[in-house]
Amino acid sequence: MEKILIAGAIAAGVVIMLAPICIPILHKLKFGQSIREEGPKSHQVKSGTPTMGGIFLIAAIVAATLIQAEWNAEIFLALFILLGHFILGFIDDYLKVVHKKNQGLLARYKLLGQILIAVVVTFVASELLIDFEFEIWIPILDEKIFAGNLYLPFMFFVLVGASNAVNLTDGLDGLASGCMAIAASCYAVICLLTGHDDLAIFCAAIVGACVGFLKFNFHPAKIFMGDTGSLALGGAFAAVGILTRTEILLAIVGFVFVCEALSVILQVISFQTTGKRIFRMSPLHHHFELGGWSEIKVVFVFWTVGLIAGVVGLSLL
């Protein structure tokens, strides 16, 4: 437990130390956020706010994990997934912010990168982790289903789903970082209960980094994490689910992320098939903003829902 608490403190300390140094540099380099014109009008004042804060956010997680956790295959796989998605997110942000390419990294290249990550993790885990079987645990039934060759596409789905869901949640000041801190706190407990103590340290590092980041990211935000941070955090969330063999539990603990992703999917399907929108705007947090909720109210309500979802997830374990 001591190592877990120290990992969280180290990660928070690194973020709090690096942010005042990195924010002016990012501002000087004009790595500013572009705001969608069709979005809430109140967001226009955020245009130009430095982004790519995920650089020091992820650096803090890696540093705290390497200092406190045992250097074993499980930890290196978790860090590989984290850093793999960090690289994809960094390239995406770099193309958008520096080269002014609105699309950023093309979807096919991003998916190709995630396929590569899934293949490497599946191969290494099956070779080096003794208890890693191609099985999927069903929480409520408490049954394991052997997936066989279907496990690789399943893992790919988990990686893509989690990383993009967290990425979509990163649309309001403090929303993604707060929800991720809550979800990672729950998974730190899950890791301890399932005998994955080093992964609990990894989760604690995520919690500490996100809490430290909130000091600068809560409304009004002085820095955004960008895809550099959100894709990496989503990848890390998927990693702990995959390595603890609780992949389906991710959808319960990360209920807020699931709702955000589903709102986008449903909006696109509805508009393309009927020409009508289900929500005022997607992702879901914008729907409530355009309905009259303040940004802070949306964030606190979503945090609360995330906390309830985490408790439900823990009770199912």
C-alpha atoms as a PDB file:
ATOM      1  CA  MET A   1       0.000   0.000   0.000  1.00  0.00           C
ATOM      2  CA  GLU A   2       2.881   2.356   0.781  1.00  0.00           C
ATOM      3  CA  LYS A   3       4.311   1.966  -2.729  1.00  0.00           C
ATOM      4  CA  ILE A   4       0.888   2.683  -4.223  1.00  0.00           C
ATOM      5  CA  LEU A   5       0.493   5.922  -2.271  1.00  0.00           C
ATOM      6  CA  ILE A   6       4.057   7.014  -3.046  1.00  0.00           C
ATOM      7  CA  ALA A   7       3.533   6.331  -6.785  1.00  0.00           C
ATOM      8  CA  GLY A   8       0.473   8.586  -6.779  1.00  0.00           C
ATOM      9  CA  ALA A   9       2.360  11.299  -4.911  1.00  0.00           C
ATOM     10  CA  ILE A  10       5.356  11.111  -7.269  1.00  0.00           C
ATOM     11  CA  ALA A  11       3.149  11.357 -10.366  1.00  0.00           C
ATOM     12  CA  ALA A  12       1.212  14.311  -8.947  1.00  0.00           C
ATOM     13  CA  GLY A  13       4.461  16.007  -7.929  1.00  0.00           C
ATOM     14  CA  VAL A  14       6.036  15.568 -11.361  1.00  0.00           C
ATOM     15  CA  VAL A  15       2.989  17.078 -13.087  1.00  0.00           C
ATOM     16  CA  ILE A  16       2.814  20.015 -10.653  1.00  0.00           C
ATOM     17  CA  MET A  17       6.550  20.613 -11.127  1.00  0.00           C
ATOM     18  CA  LEU A  18       6.589  20.316 -14.942  1.00  0.00           C
ATOM     19  CA  ALA A  19       3.350  22.131 -15.806  1.00  0.00           C
ATOM     20  CA  PRO A  20       4.570  25.679 -14.956  1.00  0.00           C
ATOM     21  CA  ILE A  21       7.644  25.007 -17.091  1.00  0.00           C
ATOM     22  CA  CYS A  22       5.876  23.360 -20.045  1.00  0.00           C
ATOM     23  CA  ILE A  23       2.798  25.608 -20.329  1.00  0.00           C
ATOM     24  CA  PRO A  24       4.759  28.793 -21.261  1.00  0.00           C
ATOM     25  CA  ILE A  25       6.875  26.770 -23.718  1.00  0.00           C
ATOM     26  CA  LEU A  26       3.802  25.301 -25.422  1.00  0.00           C
ATOM     27  CA  HIS A  27       2.258  28.786 -25.501  1.00  0.00           C
ATOM     28  CA  LYS A  28       5.419  30.262 -27.041  1.00  0.00           C
ATOM     29  CA  LEU A  29       5.471  27.514 -29.680  1.00  0.00           C
ATOM     30  CA  LYS A  30       1.818  28.413 -30.418  1.00  0.00           C
ATOM     31  CA  PHE A  31       0.644  24.878 -29.707  1.00  0.00           C
ATOM     32  CA  GLY A  32      -2.858  26.232 -29.126  1.00  0.00           C
ATOM     33  CA  GLN A  33      -6.200  24.436 -29.194  1.00  0.00           C
ATOM     34  CA  SER A  34      -8.541  25.047 -32.145  1.00  0.00           C
ATOM     35  CA  ILE A  35     -12.209  25.274 -31.151  1.00  0.00           C
ATOM     36  CA  ARG A  36     -15.019  23.918 -33.353  1.00  0.00           C
ATOM     37  CA  GLU A  37     -17.185  26.770 -34.625  1.00  0.00           C
ATOM     38  CA  GLU A  38     -20.336  24.642 -34.342  1.00  0.00           C
ATOM     39  CA  GLY A  39     -19.643  23.975 -30.665  1.00  0.00           C
ATOM     40  CA  PRO A  40     -20.988  25.900 -27.655  1.00  0.00           C
ATOM     41  CA  LYS A  41     -20.274  29.627 -28.014  1.00  0.00           C
ATOM     42  CA  SER A  42     -18.803  29.743 -24.508  1.00  0.00           C
ATOM     43  CA  HIS A  43     -15.924  27.578 -25.747  1.00  0.00           C
ATOM     44  CA  GLN A  44     -14.630  30.155 -28.210  1.00  0.00           C
ATOM     45  CA  VAL A  45     -12.688  31.908 -25.443  1.00  0.00           C
ATOM     46  CA  LYS A  46     -10.621  28.704 -25.104  1.00  0.00           C
ATOM     47  CA  SER A  47      -9.152  29.100 -28.578  1.00  0.00           C
ATOM     48  CA  GLY A  48      -5.370  29.289 -28.349  1.00  0.00           C
ATOM     49  CA  THR A  49      -5.142  27.636 -24.924  1.00  0.00           C
ATOM     50  CA  PRO A  50      -1.994  25.464 -24.969  1.00  0.00           C
ATOM     51  CA  THR A  51      -2.613  21.805 -25.726  1.00  0.00           C
ATOM     52  CA  MET A  52      -0.484  18.631 -25.790  1.00  0.00           C
ATOM     53  CA  GLY A  53      -0.198  18.728 -21.999  1.00  0.00           C
ATOM     54  CA  GLY A  54      -0.326  14.958 -22.250  1.00  0.00           C
ATOM     55  CA  ILE A  55       3.448  15.116 -22.774  1.00  0.00           C
ATOM     56  CA  PHE A  56       4.208  15.844 -19.111  1.00  0.00           C
ATOM     57  CA  LEU A  57       1.099  13.994 -17.886  1.00  0.00           C
ATOM     58  CA  ILE A  58       2.281  10.706 -19.411  1.00  0.00           C
ATOM     59  CA  ALA A  59       5.900  11.400 -18.428  1.00  0.00           C
ATOM     60  CA  ALA A  60       4.750  11.578 -14.810  1.00  0.00           C
ATOM     61  CA  ILE A  61       2.919   8.235 -15.034  1.00  0.00           C
ATOM     62  CA  VAL A  62       5.922   6.487 -16.594  1.00  0.00           C
ATOM     63  CA  ALA A  63       8.371   7.965 -14.069  1.00  0.00           C
ATOM     64  CA  ALA A  64       6.268   7.070 -11.010  1.00  0.00           C
ATOM     65  CA  THR A  65       5.618   3.547 -12.299  1.00  0.00           C
ATOM     66  CA  LEU A  66       9.272   2.812 -13.052  1.00  0.00           C
ATOM     67  CA  ILE A  67      10.358   4.149  -9.665  1.00  0.00           C
ATOM     68  CA  GLN A  68       7.829   2.236  -7.546  1.00  0.00           C
ATOM     69  CA  ALA A  69       6.779  -0.892  -9.454  1.00  0.00           C
ATOM     70  CA  GLU A  70       8.724  -4.092 -10.095  1.00  0.00           C
ATOM     71  CA  TRP A  71      10.145  -4.199 -13.608  1.00  0.00           C
ATOM     72  CA  ASN A  72       8.279  -7.250 -14.897  1.00  0.00           C
ATOM     73  CA  ALA A  73       6.525  -8.294 -18.112  1.00  0.00           C
ATOM     74  CA  GLU A  74       3.138  -7.087 -16.886  1.00  0.00           C
ATOM     75  CA  ILE A  75       4.364  -3.570 -16.132  1.00  0.00           C
ATOM     76  CA  PHE A  76       6.297  -3.309 -19.394  1.00  0.00           C
ATOM     77  CA  LEU A  77       3.202  -4.394 -21.341  1.00  0.00           C
ATOM     78  CA  ALA A  78       1.110  -1.743 -19.554  1.00  0.00           C
ATOM     79  CA  LEU A  79       3.737   0.908 -20.331  1.00  0.00           C
ATOM     80  CA  PHE A  80       4.017  -0.339 -23.933  1.00  0.00           C
ATOM     81  CA  ILE A  81       0.270   0.133 -24.438  1.00  0.00           C
ATOM     82  CA  LEU A  82       0.379   3.543 -22.731  1.00  0.00           C
ATOM     83  CA  LEU A  83       3.337   4.787 -24.771  1.00  0.00           C
ATOM     84  CA  GLY A  84       2.088   3.245 -28.008  1.00  0.00           C
ATOM     85  CA  HIS A  85      -1.117   5.261 -27.756  1.00  0.00           C
ATOM     86  CA  PHE A  86       0.874   8.284 -26.571  1.00  0.00           C
ATOM     87  CA  ILE A  87       2.875   8.208 -29.819  1.00  0.00           C
ATOM     88  CA  LEU A  88      -0.302   7.918 -31.913  1.00  0.00           C
ATOM     89  CA  GLY A  89      -1.875  10.805 -30.014  1.00  0.00           C
ATOM     90  CA  PHE A  90       1.274  12.927 -30.268  1.00  0.00           C
ATOM     91  CA  ILE A  91       1.447  12.463 -34.050  1.00  0.00           C
ATOM     92  CA  ASP A  92      -2.254  13.311 -34.308  1.00  0.00           C
ATOM     93  CA  ASP A  93      -1.827  16.506 -32.245  1.00  0.00           C
ATOM     94  CA  TYR A  94       1.372  17.490 -34.049  1.00  0.00           C
ATOM     95  CA  LEU A  95      -0.294  17.252 -37.450  1.00  0.00           C
ATOM     96  CA  LYS A  96      -3.300  19.262 -36.238  1.00  0.00           C
ATOM     97  CA  VAL A  97      -1.498  21.926 -34.240  1.00  0.00           C
ATOM     98  CA  VAL A  98       1.810  22.385 -36.072  1.00  0.00           C
ATOM     99  CA  HIS A  99       0.940  21.408 -39.650  1.00  0.00           C
ATOM    100  CA  LYS A 100      -2.676  22.668 -39.394  1.00  0.00           C
ATOM    101  CA  LYS A 101      -4.104  19.436 -40.819  1.00  0.00           C
ATOM    102  CA  ASN A 102      -7.654  19.299 -39.461  1.00  0.00           C
ATOM    103  CA  GLN A 103      -7.910  15.511 -39.818  1.00  0.00           C
ATOM    104  CA  GLY A 104      -4.678  14.916 -37.949  1.00  0.00           C
ATOM    105  CA  LEU A 105      -3.452  11.332 -38.203  1.00  0.00           C
ATOM    106  CA  LEU A 106      -5.677   9.505 -40.687  1.00  0.00           C
ATOM    107  CA  ALA A 107      -7.964   6.927 -39.083  1.00  0.00           C
ATOM    108  CA  ARG A 108      -6.482   4.035 -41.067  1.00  0.00           C
ATOM    109  CA  TYR A 109      -2.970   4.769 -39.780  1.00  0.00           C
ATOM    110  CA  LYS A 110      -4.243   5.145 -36.216  1.00  0.00           C
ATOM    111  CA  LEU A 111      -6.058   1.803 -36.483  1.00  0.00           C
ATOM    112  CA  LEU A 112      -2.966   0.204 -38.005  1.00  0.00           C
ATOM    113  CA  GLY A 113      -0.938   1.374 -35.021  1.00  0.00           C
ATOM    114  CA  GLN A 114      -3.514  -0.028 -32.606  1.00  0.00           C
ATOM    115  CA  ILE A 115      -3.580  -3.354 -34.455  1.00  0.00           C
ATOM    116  CA  LEU A 116       0.217  -3.539 -34.099  1.00  0.00           C
ATOM    117  CA  ILE A 117      -0.067  -2.801 -30.360  1.00  0.00           C
ATOM    118  CA  ALA A 118      -2.742  -5.513 -29.950  1.00  0.00           C
ATOM    119  CA  VAL A 119      -0.661  -8.106 -31.838  1.00  0.00           C
ATOM    120  CA  VAL A 120       2.500  -7.410 -29.813  1.00  0.00           C
ATOM    121  CA  VAL A 121       0.625  -7.465 -26.487  1.00  0.00           C
ATOM    122  CA  THR A 122      -1.207 -10.699 -27.338  1.00  0.00           C
ATOM    123  CA  PHE A 123       2.006 -12.450 -28.382  1.00  0.00           C
ATOM    124  CA  VAL A 124       4.152 -11.238 -25.479  1.00  0.00           C
ATOM    125  CA  ALA A 125       1.448 -11.805 -22.859  1.00  0.00           C
ATOM    126  CA  SER A 126       0.747 -15.349 -24.047  1.00  0.00           C
ATOM    127  CA  GLU A 127       4.473 -16.153 -24.000  1.00  0.00           C
ATOM    128  CA  LEU A 128       5.590 -14.457 -20.786  1.00  0.00           C
ATOM    129  CA  LEU A 129       2.536 -14.296 -18.508  1.00  0.00           C
ATOM    130  CA  ILE A 130       1.804 -17.736 -17.061  1.00  0.00           C
ATOM    131  CA  ASP A 131      -1.898 -17.162 -16.287  1.00  0.00           C
ATOM    132  CA  PHE A 132      -2.719 -15.316 -19.516  1.00  0.00           C
ATOM    133  CA  GLU A 133      -5.316 -17.447 -21.319  1.00  0.00           C
ATOM    134  CA  PHE A 134      -7.455 -16.413 -24.277  1.00  0.00           C
ATOM    135  CA  GLU A 135     -10.536 -16.253 -22.084  1.00  0.00           C
ATOM    136  CA  ILE A 136     -13.133 -13.556 -21.438  1.00  0.00           C
ATOM    137  CA  TRP A 137     -14.615 -13.201 -17.970  1.00  0.00           C
ATOM    138  CA  ILE A 138     -18.337 -12.356 -17.774  1.00  0.00           C
ATOM    139  CA  PRO A 139     -18.802 -10.343 -14.535  1.00  0.00           C
ATOM    140  CA  ILE A 140     -22.420 -10.968 -13.506  1.00  0.00           C
ATOM    141  CA  LEU A 141     -22.391 -14.652 -14.469  1.00  0.00           C
ATOM    142  CA  ASP A 142     -18.864 -15.099 -13.084  1.00  0.00           C
ATOM    143  CA  GLU A 143     -18.088 -17.382 -16.031  1.00  0.00           C
ATOM    144  CA  LYS A 144     -15.085 -17.533 -18.350  1.00  0.00           C
ATOM    145  CA  ILE A 145     -15.563 -18.037 -22.072  1.00  0.00           C
ATOM    146  CA  PHE A 146     -12.660 -19.395 -24.111  1.00  0.00           C
ATOM    147  CA  ALA A 147     -12.208 -17.046 -27.076  1.00  0.00           C
ATOM    148  CA  GLY A 148      -9.315 -18.769 -28.865  1.00  0.00           C
ATOM    149  CA  ASN A 149      -8.380 -17.007 -32.092  1.00  0.00           C
ATOM    150  CA  LEU A 150     -11.145 -14.471 -31.513  1.00  0.00           C
ATOM    151  CA  TYR A 151      -9.273 -12.996 -28.565  1.00  0.00           C
ATOM    152  CA  LEU A 152      -6.977 -10.848 -30.763  1.00  0.00           C
ATOM    153  CA  PRO A 153      -9.857  -8.976 -32.467  1.00  0.00           C
ATOM    154  CA  PHE A 154     -11.542  -8.728 -29.065  1.00  0.00           C
ATOM    155  CA  MET A 155      -8.414  -7.142 -27.567  1.00  0.00           C
ATOM    156  CA  PHE A 156      -8.196  -4.789 -30.548  1.00  0.00           C
ATOM    157  CA  PHE A 157     -11.823  -3.781 -29.950  1.00  0.00           C
ATOM    158  CA  VAL A 158     -11.067  -3.096 -26.265  1.00  0.00           C
ATOM    159  CA  LEU A 159      -7.997  -0.991 -27.108  1.00  0.00           C
ATOM    160  CA  VAL A 160      -9.756   1.017 -29.812  1.00  0.00           C
ATOM    161  CA  GLY A 161     -12.939   1.389 -27.788  1.00  0.00           C
ATOM    162  CA  ALA A 162     -11.294   2.526 -24.562  1.00  0.00           C
ATOM    163  CA  SER A 163      -8.747   4.878 -26.136  1.00  0.00           C
ATOM    164  CA  ASN A 164     -11.276   6.592 -28.378  1.00  0.00           C
ATOM    165  CA  ALA A 165     -13.924   6.769 -25.641  1.00  0.00           C
ATOM    166  CA  VAL A 166     -11.545   8.624 -23.292  1.00  0.00           C
ATOM    167  CA  ASN A 167     -10.460  10.782 -26.218  1.00  0.00           C
ATOM    168  CA  LEU A 168     -14.087  11.787 -26.906  1.00  0.00           C
ATOM    169  CA  THR A 169     -14.638  12.564 -23.222  1.00  0.00           C
ATOM    170  CA  ASP A 170     -11.837  15.132 -23.303  1.00  0.00           C
ATOM    171  CA  GLY A 171     -14.045  18.044 -24.332  1.00  0.00           C
ATOM    172  CA  LEU A 172     -14.596  20.061 -21.151  1.00  0.00           C
ATOM    173  CA  ASP A 173     -12.156  21.474 -18.612  1.00  0.00           C
ATOM    174  CA  GLY A 174     -11.252  18.703 -16.181  1.00  0.00           C
ATOM    175  CA  LEU A 175     -13.793  16.198 -17.495  1.00  0.00           C
ATOM    176  CA  ALA A 176     -11.494  13.485 -18.882  1.00  0.00           C
ATOM    177  CA  SER A 177      -8.776  13.905 -16.250  1.00  0.00           C
ATOM    178  CA  GLY A 178     -11.312  13.759 -13.402  1.00  0.00           C
ATOM    179  CA  CYS A 179     -13.208  10.771 -14.803  1.00  0.00           C
ATOM    180  CA  MET A 180      -9.922   8.985 -15.458  1.00  0.00           C
ATOM    181  CA  ALA A 181      -8.719   9.625 -11.898  1.00  0.00           C
ATOM    182  CA  ILE A 182     -11.933   8.059 -10.570  1.00  0.00           C
ATOM    183  CA  ALA A 183     -11.822   5.060 -12.926  1.00  0.00           C
ATOM    184  CA  ALA A 184      -8.116   4.431 -12.250  1.00  0.00           C
ATOM    185  CA  SER A 185      -8.746   4.618  -8.474  1.00  0.00           C
ATOM    186  CA  CYS A 186     -11.355   1.880  -8.819  1.00  0.00           C
ATOM    187  CA  TYR A 187      -8.997  -0.201 -10.938  1.00  0.00           C
ATOM    188  CA  ALA A 188      -6.212   0.189  -8.392  1.00  0.00           C
ATOM    189  CA  VAL A 189      -8.522  -1.601  -5.940  1.00  0.00           C
ATOM    190  CA  ILE A 190      -9.452  -4.198  -8.585  1.00  0.00           C
ATOM    191  CA  CYS A 191      -5.764  -4.844  -9.260  1.00  0.00           C
ATOM    192  CA  LEU A 192      -5.110  -5.397  -5.555  1.00  0.00           C
ATOM    193  CA  LEU A 193      -8.090  -7.727  -5.199  1.00  0.00           C
ATOM    194  CA  THR A 194      -6.984  -9.781  -8.208  1.00  0.00           C
ATOM    195  CA  GLY A 195      -3.346 -10.041  -7.105  1.00  0.00           C
ATOM    196  CA  HIS A 196      -1.849  -7.558  -9.581  1.00  0.00           C
ATOM    197  CA  ASP A 197      -0.014  -5.340  -7.080  1.00  0.00           C
ATOM    198  CA  ASP A 198       2.326  -3.746  -9.598  1.00  0.00           C
ATOM    199  CA  LEU A 199      -0.564  -2.791 -11.852  1.00  0.00           C
ATOM    200  CA  ALA A 200      -2.165  -1.175  -8.789  1.00  0.00           C
ATOM    201  CA  ILE A 201       0.956   1.021  -8.620  1.00  0.00           C
ATOM    202  CA  PHE A 202       0.517   1.844 -12.329  1.00  0.00           C
ATOM    203  CA  CYS A 203      -3.113   2.823 -11.650  1.00  0.00           C
ATOM    204  CA  ALA A 204      -2.072   4.949  -8.681  1.00  0.00           C
ATOM    205  CA  ALA A 205       0.416   6.771 -10.911  1.00  0.00           C
ATOM    206  CA  ILE A 206      -2.437   7.518 -13.333  1.00  0.00           C
ATOM    207  CA  VAL A 207      -4.597   8.821 -10.473  1.00  0.00           C
ATOM    208  CA  GLY A 208      -1.809  11.040  -9.138  1.00  0.00           C
ATOM    209  CA  ALA A 209      -0.941  12.434 -12.575  1.00  0.00           C
ATOM    210  CA  CYS A 210      -4.587  13.201 -13.377  1.00  0.00           C
ATOM    211  CA  VAL A 211      -5.200  14.857 -10.000  1.00  0.00           C
ATOM    212  CA  GLY A 212      -2.047  16.938 -10.438  1.00  0.00           C
ATOM    213  CA  PHE A 213      -3.138  17.826 -13.970  1.00  0.00           C
ATOM    214  CA  LEU A 214      -6.523  19.009 -12.673  1.00  0.00           C
ATOM    215  CA  LYS A 215      -4.738  21.866 -10.891  1.00  0.00           C
ATOM    216  CA  PHE A 216      -4.072  23.337 -14.339  1.00  0.00           C
ATOM    217  CA  ASN A 217      -6.870  21.720 -16.368  1.00  0.00           C
ATOM    218  CA  PHE A 218      -9.942  22.510 -14.235  1.00  0.00           C
ATOM    219  CA  HIS A 219     -12.135  25.406 -15.368  1.00  0.00           C
ATOM    220  CA  PRO A 220     -10.827  27.774 -16.591  1.00  0.00           C
ATOM    221  CA  ALA A 221      -8.171  25.477 -18.048  1.00  0.00           C
ATOM    222  CA  LYS A 222      -4.637  26.755 -18.519  1.00  0.00           C
ATOM    223  CA  ILE A 223      -3.675  23.615 -20.483  1.00  0.00           C
ATOM    224  CA  PHE A 224      -5.393  20.799 -22.388  1.00  0.00           C
ATOM    225  CA  MET A 225      -4.016  17.258 -22.548  1.00  0.00           C
ATOM    226  CA  GLY A 226      -4.844  16.856 -26.262  1.00  0.00           C
ATOM    227  CA  ASP A 227      -4.947  13.489 -28.023  1.00  0.00           C
ATOM    228  CA  THR A 228      -1.398  13.065 -26.710  1.00  0.00           C
ATOM    229  CA  GLY A 229      -2.860  12.552 -23.258  1.00  0.00           C
ATOM    230  CA  SER A 230      -6.389  11.282 -23.827  1.00  0.00           C
ATOM    231  CA  LEU A 231      -5.502   8.481 -26.260  1.00  0.00           C
ATOM    232  CA  ALA A 232      -2.683   7.362 -23.950  1.00  0.00           C
ATOM    233  CA  LEU A 233      -4.929   7.400 -20.870  1.00  0.00           C
ATOM    234  CA  GLY A 234      -7.557   5.421 -22.768  1.00  0.00           C
ATOM    235  CA  GLY A 235      -4.889   2.933 -23.784  1.00  0.00           C
ATOM    236  CA  ALA A 236      -3.741   2.656 -20.170  1.00  0.00           C
ATOM    237  CA  PHE A 237      -7.325   2.048 -19.046  1.00  0.00           C
ATOM    238  CA  ALA A 238      -7.627  -0.748 -21.608  1.00  0.00           C
ATOM    239  CA  ALA A 239      -4.258  -2.139 -20.494  1.00  0.00           C
ATOM    240  CA  VAL A 240      -5.286  -2.695 -16.870  1.00  0.00           C
ATOM    241  CA  GLY A 241      -8.523  -4.341 -18.005  1.00  0.00           C
ATOM    242  CA  ILE A 242      -6.698  -6.674 -20.386  1.00  0.00           C
ATOM    243  CA  LEU A 243      -3.894  -7.587 -17.975  1.00  0.00           C
ATOM    244  CA  THR A 244      -6.251  -8.233 -15.038  1.00  0.00           C
ATOM    245  CA  ARG A 245      -8.555 -10.214 -17.377  1.00  0.00           C
ATOM    246  CA  THR A 246     -11.503  -7.933 -16.518  1.00  0.00           C
ATOM    247  CA  GLU A 247     -12.023  -6.439 -19.969  1.00  0.00           C
ATOM    248  CA  ILE A 248     -15.835  -6.339 -19.754  1.00  0.00           C
ATOM    249  CA  LEU A 249     -15.649  -4.690 -16.337  1.00  0.00           C
ATOM    250  CA  LEU A 250     -14.006  -1.741 -18.124  1.00  0.00           C
ATOM    251  CA  ALA A 251     -17.351  -0.862 -19.692  1.00  0.00           C
ATOM    252  CA  ILE A 252     -18.974  -0.716 -16.245  1.00  0.00           C
ATOM    253  CA  VAL A 253     -16.246   1.189 -14.389  1.00  0.00           C
ATOM    254  CA  GLY A 254     -15.812   3.436 -17.444  1.00  0.00           C
ATOM    255  CA  PHE A 255     -19.565   3.950 -17.924  1.00  0.00           C
ATOM    256  CA  VAL A 256     -19.107   7.677 -18.601  1.00  0.00           C
ATOM    257  CA  PHE A 257     -16.600   6.940 -21.374  1.00  0.00           C
ATOM    258  CA  VAL A 258     -18.984   4.377 -22.886  1.00  0.00           C
ATOM    259  CA  CYS A 259     -21.865   6.872 -22.893  1.00  0.00           C
ATOM    260  CA  GLU A 260     -19.716   9.520 -24.563  1.00  0.00           C
ATOM    261  CA  ALA A 261     -18.657   7.114 -27.317  1.00  0.00           C
ATOM    262  CA  LEU A 262     -22.172   5.738 -27.828  1.00  0.00           C
ATOM    263  CA  SER A 263     -23.601   9.239 -28.148  1.00  0.00           C
ATOM    264  CA  VAL A 264     -21.281   9.914 -31.088  1.00  0.00           C
ATOM    265  CA  ILE A 265     -22.046   6.558 -32.754  1.00  0.00           C
ATOM    266  CA  LEU A 266     -25.815   6.955 -32.346  1.00  0.00           C
ATOM    267  CA  GLN A 267     -25.703  10.556 -33.555  1.00  0.00           C
ATOM    268  CA  VAL A 268     -23.852   9.595 -36.734  1.00  0.00           C
ATOM    269  CA  ILE A 269     -26.127   6.608 -37.462  1.00  0.00           C
ATOM    270  CA  SER A 270     -29.294   8.626 -36.847  1.00  0.00           C
ATOM    271  CA  PHE A 271     -28.197  11.570 -39.000  1.00  0.00           C
ATOM    272  CA  GLN A 272     -27.019   9.383 -41.870  1.00  0.00           C
ATOM    273  CA  THR A 273     -30.160   7.222 -41.905  1.00  0.00           C
ATOM    274  CA  THR A 274     -32.916   9.688 -40.989  1.00  0.00           C
ATOM    275  CA  GLY A 275     -31.329  13.111 -41.352  1.00  0.00           C
ATOM    276  CA  LYS A 276     -32.233  13.837 -37.719  1.00  0.00           C
ATOM    277  CA  ARG A 277     -30.047  14.228 -34.655  1.00  0.00           C
ATOM    278  CA  ILE A 278     -30.758  12.421 -31.393  1.00  0.00           C
ATOM    279  CA  PHE A 279     -28.675  14.828 -29.320  1.00  0.00           C
ATOM    280  CA  ARG A 280     -28.309  18.600 -29.553  1.00  0.00           C
ATOM    281  CA  MET A 281     -24.629  17.893 -30.143  1.00  0.00           C
ATOM    282  CA  SER A 282     -22.294  14.979 -29.526  1.00  0.00           C
ATOM    283  CA  PRO A 283     -20.302  13.885 -27.569  1.00  0.00           C
ATOM    284  CA  LEU A 284     -22.862  13.738 -24.774  1.00  0.00           C
ATOM    285  CA  HIS A 285     -21.350  16.477 -22.585  1.00  0.00           C
ATOM    286  CA  HIS A 286     -22.118  19.055 -25.287  1.00  0.00           C
ATOM    287  CA  HIS A 287     -25.767  17.930 -25.352  1.00  0.00           C
ATOM    288  CA  PHE A 288     -26.154  19.004 -21.718  1.00  0.00           C
ATOM    289  CA  GLU A 289     -24.194  22.223 -22.259  1.00  0.00           C
ATOM    290  CA  LEU A 290     -26.481  23.257 -25.113  1.00  0.00           C
ATOM    291  CA  GLY A 291     -29.418  22.350 -22.855  1.00  0.00           C
ATOM    292  CA  GLY A 292     -28.399  25.109 -20.463  1.00  0.00           C
ATOM    293  CA  TRP A 293     -26.080  23.366 -17.995  1.00  0.00           C
ATOM    294  CA  SER A 294     -22.896  25.213 -17.072  1.00  0.00           C
ATOM    295  CA  GLU A 295     -19.614  23.550 -17.964  1.00  0.00           C
ATOM    296  CA  ILE A 296     -18.764  23.039 -14.290  1.00  0.00           C
ATOM    297  CA  LYS A 297     -22.158  21.423 -13.593  1.00  0.00           C
ATOM    298  CA  VAL A 298     -21.699  18.961 -16.465  1.00  0.00           C
ATOM    299  CA  VAL A 299     -18.230  18.039 -15.201  1.00  0.00           C
ATOM    300  CA  PHE A 300     -19.355  17.470 -11.597  1.00  0.00           C
ATOM    301  CA  VAL A 301     -22.413  15.438 -12.662  1.00  0.00           C
ATOM    302  CA  PHE A 302     -20.289  13.254 -14.952  1.00  0.00           C
ATOM    303  CA  TRP A 303     -17.712  12.781 -12.178  1.00  0.00           C
ATOM    304  CA  THR A 304     -20.505  11.678  -9.853  1.00  0.00           C
ATOM    305  CA  VAL A 305     -21.846   9.200 -12.404  1.00  0.00           C
ATOM    306  CA  GLY A 306     -18.309   7.907 -12.889  1.00  0.00           C
ATOM    307  CA  LEU A 307     -17.924   7.390  -9.139  1.00  0.00           C
ATOM    308  CA  ILE A 308     -21.222   5.487  -8.914  1.00  0.00           C
ATOM    309  CA  ALA A 309     -20.199   3.346 -11.917  1.00  0.00           C
ATOM    310  CA  GLY A 310     -16.888   2.565 -10.237  1.00  0.00           C
ATOM    311  CA  VAL A 311     -18.623   1.419  -7.060  1.00  0.00           C
ATOM    312  CA  VAL A 312     -20.962  -0.783  -9.105  1.00  0.00           C
ATOM    313  CA  GLY A 313     -17.981  -2.268 -10.914  1.00  0.00           C
ATOM    314  CA  LEU A 314     -16.217  -3.055  -7.654  1.00  0.00           C
ATOM    315  CA  SER A 315     -19.352  -4.684  -6.233  1.00  0.00           C
ATOM    316  CA  LEU A 316     -19.562  -6.974  -9.283  1.00  0.00           C
ATOM    317  CA  LEU A 317     -15.984  -8.123  -8.765  1.00  0.00           C
END
